[in-house]
Amino acid sequence: RRLLDLGFVPGGAVTALQESPWGDPVAY
């Protein structure tokens, strides 16, 4: 439910924008 509220819905587009210097987390 949290991911859906954030916009991660089936059929939706997502782009990997940037990794943190340690590799985690990643900005989408």
PDB file of all heavy atoms in Angstrom:
ATOM      1  N   ARG A   1       0.832  -1.210   0.000  1.00  0.00           N
ATOM      2  CA  ARG A   1       0.000   0.000   0.000  1.00  0.00           C
ATOM      3  C   ARG A   1       0.859   1.250   0.000  1.00  0.00           C
ATOM      4  O   ARG A   1       0.557   2.222  -0.695  1.00  0.00           O
ATOM      5  CB  ARG A   1      -0.938  -0.001   1.203  1.00  0.00           C
ATOM      6  CG  ARG A   1      -2.121  -0.926   1.036  1.00  0.00           C
ATOM      7  CD  ARG A   1      -3.185  -0.659   2.085  1.00  0.00           C
ATOM      8  NE  ARG A   1      -2.648  -0.715   3.439  1.00  0.00           N
ATOM      9  CZ  ARG A   1      -2.781  -1.742   4.262  1.00  0.00           C
ATOM     10  NH1 ARG A   1      -3.437  -2.816   3.864  1.00  0.00           N
ATOM     11  NH2 ARG A   1      -2.278  -1.704   5.470  1.00  0.00           N
ATOM     12  N   ARG A   2       1.949   1.241   0.764  1.00  0.00           N
ATOM     13  CA  ARG A   2       2.859   2.397   0.813  1.00  0.00           C
ATOM     14  C   ARG A   2       3.467   2.654  -0.560  1.00  0.00           C
ATOM     15  O   ARG A   2       3.517   3.788  -1.029  1.00  0.00           O
ATOM     16  CB  ARG A   2       3.959   2.158   1.844  1.00  0.00           C
ATOM     17  CG  ARG A   2       4.981   3.260   1.903  1.00  0.00           C
ATOM     18  CD  ARG A   2       6.039   2.966   2.985  1.00  0.00           C
ATOM     19  NE  ARG A   2       7.237   3.705   2.687  1.00  0.00           N
ATOM     20  CZ  ARG A   2       8.295   3.243   2.043  1.00  0.00           C
ATOM     21  NH1 ARG A   2       8.323   1.992   1.627  1.00  0.00           N
ATOM     22  NH2 ARG A   2       9.340   3.997   1.821  1.00  0.00           N
ATOM     23  N   LEU A   3       3.935   1.593  -1.224  1.00  0.00           N
ATOM     24  CA  LEU A   3       4.533   1.744  -2.552  1.00  0.00           C
ATOM     25  C   LEU A   3       3.507   2.251  -3.566  1.00  0.00           C
ATOM     26  O   LEU A   3       3.820   3.102  -4.396  1.00  0.00           O
ATOM     27  CB  LEU A   3       5.145   0.418  -3.016  1.00  0.00           C
ATOM     28  CG  LEU A   3       6.378  -0.033  -2.239  1.00  0.00           C
ATOM     29  CD1 LEU A   3       6.738  -1.471  -2.601  1.00  0.00           C
ATOM     30  CD2 LEU A   3       7.552   0.897  -2.480  1.00  0.00           C
ATOM     31  N   LEU A   4       2.282   1.741  -3.494  1.00  0.00           N
ATOM     32  CA  LEU A   4       1.229   2.229  -4.382  1.00  0.00           C
ATOM     33  C   LEU A   4       0.962   3.712  -4.138  1.00  0.00           C
ATOM     34  O   LEU A   4       0.826   4.492  -5.080  1.00  0.00           O
ATOM     35  CB  LEU A   4      -0.056   1.416  -4.184  1.00  0.00           C
ATOM     36  CG  LEU A   4      -0.042  -0.009  -4.728  1.00  0.00           C
ATOM     37  CD1 LEU A   4      -1.253  -0.790  -4.198  1.00  0.00           C
ATOM     38  CD2 LEU A   4      -0.016  -0.010  -6.246  1.00  0.00           C
ATOM     39  N   ASP A   5       0.906   4.113  -2.871  1.00  0.00           N
ATOM     40  CA  ASP A   5       0.680   5.527  -2.533  1.00  0.00           C
ATOM     41  C   ASP A   5       1.799   6.421  -3.049  1.00  0.00           C
ATOM     42  O   ASP A   5       1.567   7.580  -3.398  1.00  0.00           O
ATOM     43  CB  ASP A   5       0.552   5.709  -1.020  1.00  0.00           C
ATOM     44  CG  ASP A   5      -0.748   5.162  -0.455  1.00  0.00           C
ATOM     45  OD1 ASP A   5      -1.688   4.903  -1.246  1.00  0.00           O
ATOM     46  OD2 ASP A   5      -0.830   4.983   0.775  1.00  0.00           O
ATOM     47  N   LEU A   6       3.018   5.884  -3.105  1.00  0.00           N
ATOM     48  CA  LEU A   6       4.161   6.653  -3.607  1.00  0.00           C
ATOM     49  C   LEU A   6       4.173   6.750  -5.125  1.00  0.00           C
ATOM     50  O   LEU A   6       4.939   7.511  -5.698  1.00  0.00           O
ATOM     51  CB  LEU A   6       5.470   6.038  -3.113  1.00  0.00           C
ATOM     52  CG  LEU A   6       5.753   6.183  -1.621  1.00  0.00           C
ATOM     53  CD1 LEU A   6       6.974   5.348  -1.226  1.00  0.00           C
ATOM     54  CD2 LEU A   6       5.973   7.648  -1.254  1.00  0.00           C
ATOM     55  N   GLY A   7       3.338   5.963  -5.809  1.00  0.00           N
ATOM     56  CA  GLY A   7       3.251   6.030  -7.260  1.00  0.00           C
ATOM     57  C   GLY A   7       3.796   4.830  -8.000  1.00  0.00           C
ATOM     58  O   GLY A   7       3.800   4.816  -9.236  1.00  0.00           O
ATOM     59  N   PHE A   8       4.258   3.814  -7.303  1.00  0.00           N
ATOM     60  CA  PHE A   8       4.769   2.602  -7.942  1.00  0.00           C
ATOM     61  C   PHE A   8       3.592   1.690  -8.271  1.00  0.00           C
ATOM     62  O   PHE A   8       3.325   0.715  -7.578  1.00  0.00           O
ATOM     63  CB  PHE A   8       5.785   1.900  -7.044  1.00  0.00           C
ATOM     64  CG  PHE A   8       7.028   2.705  -6.822  1.00  0.00           C
ATOM     65  CD1 PHE A   8       7.164   3.510  -5.700  1.00  0.00           C
ATOM     66  CD2 PHE A   8       8.063   2.678  -7.740  1.00  0.00           C
ATOM     67  CE1 PHE A   8       8.310   4.256  -5.501  1.00  0.00           C
ATOM     68  CE2 PHE A   8       9.214   3.425  -7.554  1.00  0.00           C
ATOM     69  CZ  PHE A   8       9.330   4.216  -6.431  1.00  0.00           C
ATOM     70  N   VAL A   9       2.855   2.050  -9.324  1.00  0.00           N
ATOM     71  CA  VAL A   9       1.657   1.311  -9.712  1.00  0.00           C
ATOM     72  C   VAL A   9       1.937   0.508 -10.972  1.00  0.00           C
ATOM     73  O   VAL A   9       2.691   0.949 -11.842  1.00  0.00           O
ATOM     74  CB  VAL A   9       0.470   2.266  -9.932  1.00  0.00           C
ATOM     75  CG1 VAL A   9       0.078   2.950  -8.635  1.00  0.00           C
ATOM     76  CG2 VAL A   9       0.770   3.286 -11.001  1.00  0.00           C
ATOM     77  N   PRO A  10       1.352  -0.684 -11.095  1.00  0.00           N
ATOM     78  CA  PRO A  10       1.546  -1.470 -12.320  1.00  0.00           C
ATOM     79  C   PRO A  10       1.181  -0.655 -13.556  1.00  0.00           C
ATOM     80  O   PRO A  10       0.148   0.015 -13.596  1.00  0.00           O
ATOM     81  CB  PRO A  10       0.612  -2.663 -12.115  1.00  0.00           C
ATOM     82  CG  PRO A  10       0.583  -2.821 -10.619  1.00  0.00           C
ATOM     83  CD  PRO A  10       0.570  -1.412 -10.092  1.00  0.00           C
ATOM     84  N   GLY A  11       2.073  -0.687 -14.537  1.00  0.00           N
ATOM     85  CA  GLY A  11       1.905   0.082 -15.759  1.00  0.00           C
ATOM     86  C   GLY A  11       2.548   1.455 -15.710  1.00  0.00           C
ATOM     87  O   GLY A  11       2.716   2.102 -16.736  1.00  0.00           O
ATOM     88  N   GLY A  12       2.911   1.908 -14.522  1.00  0.00           N
ATOM     89  CA  GLY A  12       3.531   3.219 -14.366  1.00  0.00           C
ATOM     90  C   GLY A  12       5.005   3.203 -14.731  1.00  0.00           C
ATOM     91  O   GLY A  12       5.674   2.172 -14.644  1.00  0.00           O
ATOM     92  N   ALA A  13       5.506   4.363 -15.152  1.00  0.00           N
ATOM     93  CA  ALA A  13       6.917   4.494 -15.520  1.00  0.00           C
ATOM     94  C   ALA A  13       7.755   4.856 -14.292  1.00  0.00           C
ATOM     95  O   ALA A  13       7.299   5.576 -13.404  1.00  0.00           O
ATOM     96  CB  ALA A  13       7.076   5.573 -16.586  1.00  0.00           C
ATOM     97  N   VAL A  14       8.979   4.353 -14.270  1.00  0.00           N
ATOM     98  CA  VAL A  14       9.930   4.662 -13.209  1.00  0.00           C
ATOM     99  C   VAL A  14      11.318   4.783 -13.827  1.00  0.00           C
ATOM    100  O   VAL A  14      11.658   4.053 -14.752  1.00  0.00           O
ATOM    101  CB  VAL A  14       9.890   3.590 -12.087  1.00  0.00           C
ATOM    102  CG1 VAL A  14      10.266   2.223 -12.603  1.00  0.00           C
ATOM    103  CG2 VAL A  14      10.764   3.985 -10.920  1.00  0.00           C
ATOM    104  N   THR A  15      12.100   5.737 -13.322  1.00  0.00           N
ATOM    105  CA  THR A  15      13.462   5.959 -13.806  1.00  0.00           C
ATOM    106  C   THR A  15      14.419   5.945 -12.625  1.00  0.00           C
ATOM    107  O   THR A  15      14.150   6.587 -11.605  1.00  0.00           O
ATOM    108  CB  THR A  15      13.577   7.325 -14.523  1.00  0.00           C
ATOM    109  OG1 THR A  15      12.625   7.371 -15.581  1.00  0.00           O
ATOM    110  CG2 THR A  15      14.971   7.545 -15.077  1.00  0.00           C
ATOM    111  N   ALA A  16      15.523   5.216 -12.748  1.00  0.00           N
ATOM    112  CA  ALA A  16      16.573   5.251 -11.727  1.00  0.00           C
ATOM    113  C   ALA A  16      17.384   6.521 -11.963  1.00  0.00           C
ATOM    114  O   ALA A  16      17.991   6.686 -13.017  1.00  0.00           O
ATOM    115  CB  ALA A  16      17.455   4.014 -11.817  1.00  0.00           C
ATOM    116  N   LEU A  17      17.372   7.427 -11.000  1.00  0.00           N
ATOM    117  CA  LEU A  17      18.000   8.730 -11.177  1.00  0.00           C
ATOM    118  C   LEU A  17      19.408   8.821 -10.603  1.00  0.00           C
ATOM    119  O   LEU A  17      20.298   9.375 -11.246  1.00  0.00           O
ATOM    120  CB  LEU A  17      17.130   9.825 -10.532  1.00  0.00           C
ATOM    121  CG  LEU A  17      15.719   9.964 -11.094  1.00  0.00           C
ATOM    122  CD1 LEU A  17      14.932  10.981 -10.270  1.00  0.00           C
ATOM    123  CD2 LEU A  17      15.773  10.366 -12.556  1.00  0.00           C
ATOM    124  N   GLN A  18      19.603   8.308  -9.394  1.00  0.00           N
ATOM    125  CA  GLN A  18      20.894   8.492  -8.734  1.00  0.00           C
ATOM    126  C   GLN A  18      21.047   7.523  -7.568  1.00  0.00           C
ATOM    127  O   GLN A  18      20.091   7.258  -6.846  1.00  0.00           O
ATOM    128  CB  GLN A  18      20.965   9.931  -8.211  1.00  0.00           C
ATOM    129  CG  GLN A  18      22.236  10.300  -7.538  1.00  0.00           C
ATOM    130  CD  GLN A  18      22.232  11.766  -7.090  1.00  0.00           C
ATOM    131  OE1 GLN A  18      21.230  12.460  -7.194  1.00  0.00           O
ATOM    132  NE2 GLN A  18      23.353  12.225  -6.603  1.00  0.00           N
ATOM    133  N   GLU A  19      22.258   6.994  -7.428  1.00  0.00           N
ATOM    134  CA  GLU A  19      22.599   6.172  -6.256  1.00  0.00           C
ATOM    135  C   GLU A  19      23.255   7.052  -5.209  1.00  0.00           C
ATOM    136  O   GLU A  19      23.949   8.004  -5.544  1.00  0.00           O
ATOM    137  CB  GLU A  19      23.618   5.101  -6.625  1.00  0.00           C
ATOM    138  CG  GLU A  19      23.075   3.927  -7.355  1.00  0.00           C
ATOM    139  CD  GLU A  19      24.152   2.882  -7.590  1.00  0.00           C
ATOM    140  OE1 GLU A  19      25.353   3.219  -7.603  1.00  0.00           O
ATOM    141  OE2 GLU A  19      23.784   1.739  -7.768  1.00  0.00           O
ATOM    142  N   SER A  20      23.077   6.693  -3.958  1.00  0.00           N
ATOM    143  CA  SER A  20      23.833   7.372  -2.910  1.00  0.00           C
ATOM    144  C   SER A  20      25.293   6.943  -3.041  1.00  0.00           C
ATOM    145  O   SER A  20      25.600   5.948  -3.701  1.00  0.00           O
ATOM    146  CB  SER A  20      23.293   6.995  -1.535  1.00  0.00           C
ATOM    147  OG  SER A  20      23.669   5.681  -1.198  1.00  0.00           O
ATOM    148  N   PRO A  21      26.217   7.673  -2.431  1.00  0.00           N
ATOM    149  CA  PRO A  21      27.629   7.296  -2.529  1.00  0.00           C
ATOM    150  C   PRO A  21      27.921   5.867  -2.060  1.00  0.00           C
ATOM    151  O   PRO A  21      28.875   5.253  -2.500  1.00  0.00           O
ATOM    152  CB  PRO A  21      28.337   8.311  -1.631  1.00  0.00           C
ATOM    153  CG  PRO A  21      27.428   9.495  -1.617  1.00  0.00           C
ATOM    154  CD  PRO A  21      26.031   8.927  -1.707  1.00  0.00           C
ATOM    155  N   TRP A  22      27.084   5.317  -1.195  1.00  0.00           N
ATOM    156  CA  TRP A  22      27.293   3.967  -0.675  1.00  0.00           C
ATOM    157  C   TRP A  22      26.486   2.937  -1.456  1.00  0.00           C
ATOM    158  O   TRP A  22      26.492   1.761  -1.129  1.00  0.00           O
ATOM    159  CB  TRP A  22      26.924   3.915   0.803  1.00  0.00           C
ATOM    160  CG  TRP A  22      27.744   4.885   1.584  1.00  0.00           C
ATOM    161  CD1 TRP A  22      29.007   4.687   2.075  1.00  0.00           C
ATOM    162  CD2 TRP A  22      27.396   6.223   1.904  1.00  0.00           C
ATOM    163  NE1 TRP A  22      29.449   5.827   2.688  1.00  0.00           N
ATOM    164  CE2 TRP A  22      28.486   6.797   2.595  1.00  0.00           C
ATOM    165  CE3 TRP A  22      26.286   7.020   1.664  1.00  0.00           C
ATOM    166  CZ2 TRP A  22      28.482   8.097   3.063  1.00  0.00           C
ATOM    167  CZ3 TRP A  22      26.286   8.315   2.131  1.00  0.00           C
ATOM    168  CH2 TRP A  22      27.370   8.836   2.816  1.00  0.00           C
ATOM    169  N   GLY A  23      25.729   3.392  -2.479  1.00  0.00           N
ATOM    170  CA  GLY A  23      24.952   2.474  -3.307  1.00  0.00           C
ATOM    171  C   GLY A  23      23.552   2.191  -2.811  1.00  0.00           C
ATOM    172  O   GLY A  23      22.775   1.530  -3.482  1.00  0.00           O
ATOM    173  N   ASP A  24      23.199   2.681  -1.642  1.00  0.00           N
ATOM    174  CA  ASP A  24      21.887   2.434  -1.070  1.00  0.00           C
ATOM    175  C   ASP A  24      21.550   3.576  -0.124  1.00  0.00           C
ATOM    176  O   ASP A  24      22.373   3.876   0.749  1.00  0.00           O
ATOM    177  CB  ASP A  24      21.902   1.107  -0.307  1.00  0.00           C
ATOM    178  CG  ASP A  24      20.536   0.514  -0.078  1.00  0.00           C
ATOM    179  OD1 ASP A  24      19.599   0.875  -0.799  1.00  0.00           O
ATOM    180  OD2 ASP A  24      20.413  -0.333   0.826  1.00  0.00           O
ATOM    181  N   PRO A  25      20.454   4.287  -0.272  1.00  0.00           N
ATOM    182  CA  PRO A  25      19.335   4.048  -1.168  1.00  0.00           C
ATOM    183  C   PRO A  25      19.592   4.582  -2.583  1.00  0.00           C
ATOM    184  O   PRO A  25      20.628   5.189  -2.853  1.00  0.00           O
ATOM    185  CB  PRO A  25      18.187   4.819  -0.511  1.00  0.00           C
ATOM    186  CG  PRO A  25      18.853   5.978   0.130  1.00  0.00           C
ATOM    187  CD  PRO A  25      20.191   5.427   0.614  1.00  0.00           C
ATOM    188  N   VAL A  26      18.592   4.369  -3.443  1.00  0.00           N
ATOM    189  CA  VAL A  26      18.627   4.855  -4.817  1.00  0.00           C
ATOM    190  C   VAL A  26      17.438   5.792  -5.008  1.00  0.00           C
ATOM    191  O   VAL A  26      16.345   5.515  -4.497  1.00  0.00           O
ATOM    192  CB  VAL A  26      18.548   3.683  -5.818  1.00  0.00           C
ATOM    193  CG1 VAL A  26      18.492   4.188  -7.249  1.00  0.00           C
ATOM    194  CG2 VAL A  26      19.730   2.743  -5.626  1.00  0.00           C
ATOM    195  N   ALA A  27      17.655   6.897  -5.726  1.00  0.00           N
ATOM    196  CA  ALA A  27      16.575   7.839  -6.027  1.00  0.00           C
ATOM    197  C   ALA A  27      15.922   7.433  -7.344  1.00  0.00           C
ATOM    198  O   ALA A  27      16.613   7.193  -8.337  1.00  0.00           O
ATOM    199  CB  ALA A  27      17.123   9.252  -6.119  1.00  0.00           C
ATOM    200  N   TYR A  28      14.602   7.352  -7.332  1.00  0.00           N
ATOM    201  CA  TYR A  28      13.826   6.988  -8.514  1.00  0.00           C
ATOM    202  C   TYR A  28      12.846   8.106  -8.844  1.00  0.00           C
ATOM    203  O   TYR A  28      12.257   8.703  -7.937  1.00  0.00           O
ATOM    204  CB  TYR A  28      13.029   5.699  -8.271  1.00  0.00           C
ATOM    205  CG  TYR A  28      13.894   4.504  -7.997  1.00  0.00           C
ATOM    206  CD1 TYR A  28      14.140   4.074  -6.703  1.00  0.00           C
ATOM    207  CD2 TYR A  28      14.481   3.794  -9.040  1.00  0.00           C
ATOM    208  CE1 TYR A  28      14.947   2.972  -6.450  1.00  0.00           C
ATOM    209  CE2 TYR A  28      15.292   2.693  -8.800  1.00  0.00           C
ATOM    210  CZ  TYR A  28      15.511   2.294  -7.496  1.00  0.00           C
ATOM    211  OH  TYR A  28      16.314   1.206  -7.250  1.00  0.00           O
TER     212      TYR A  28
END
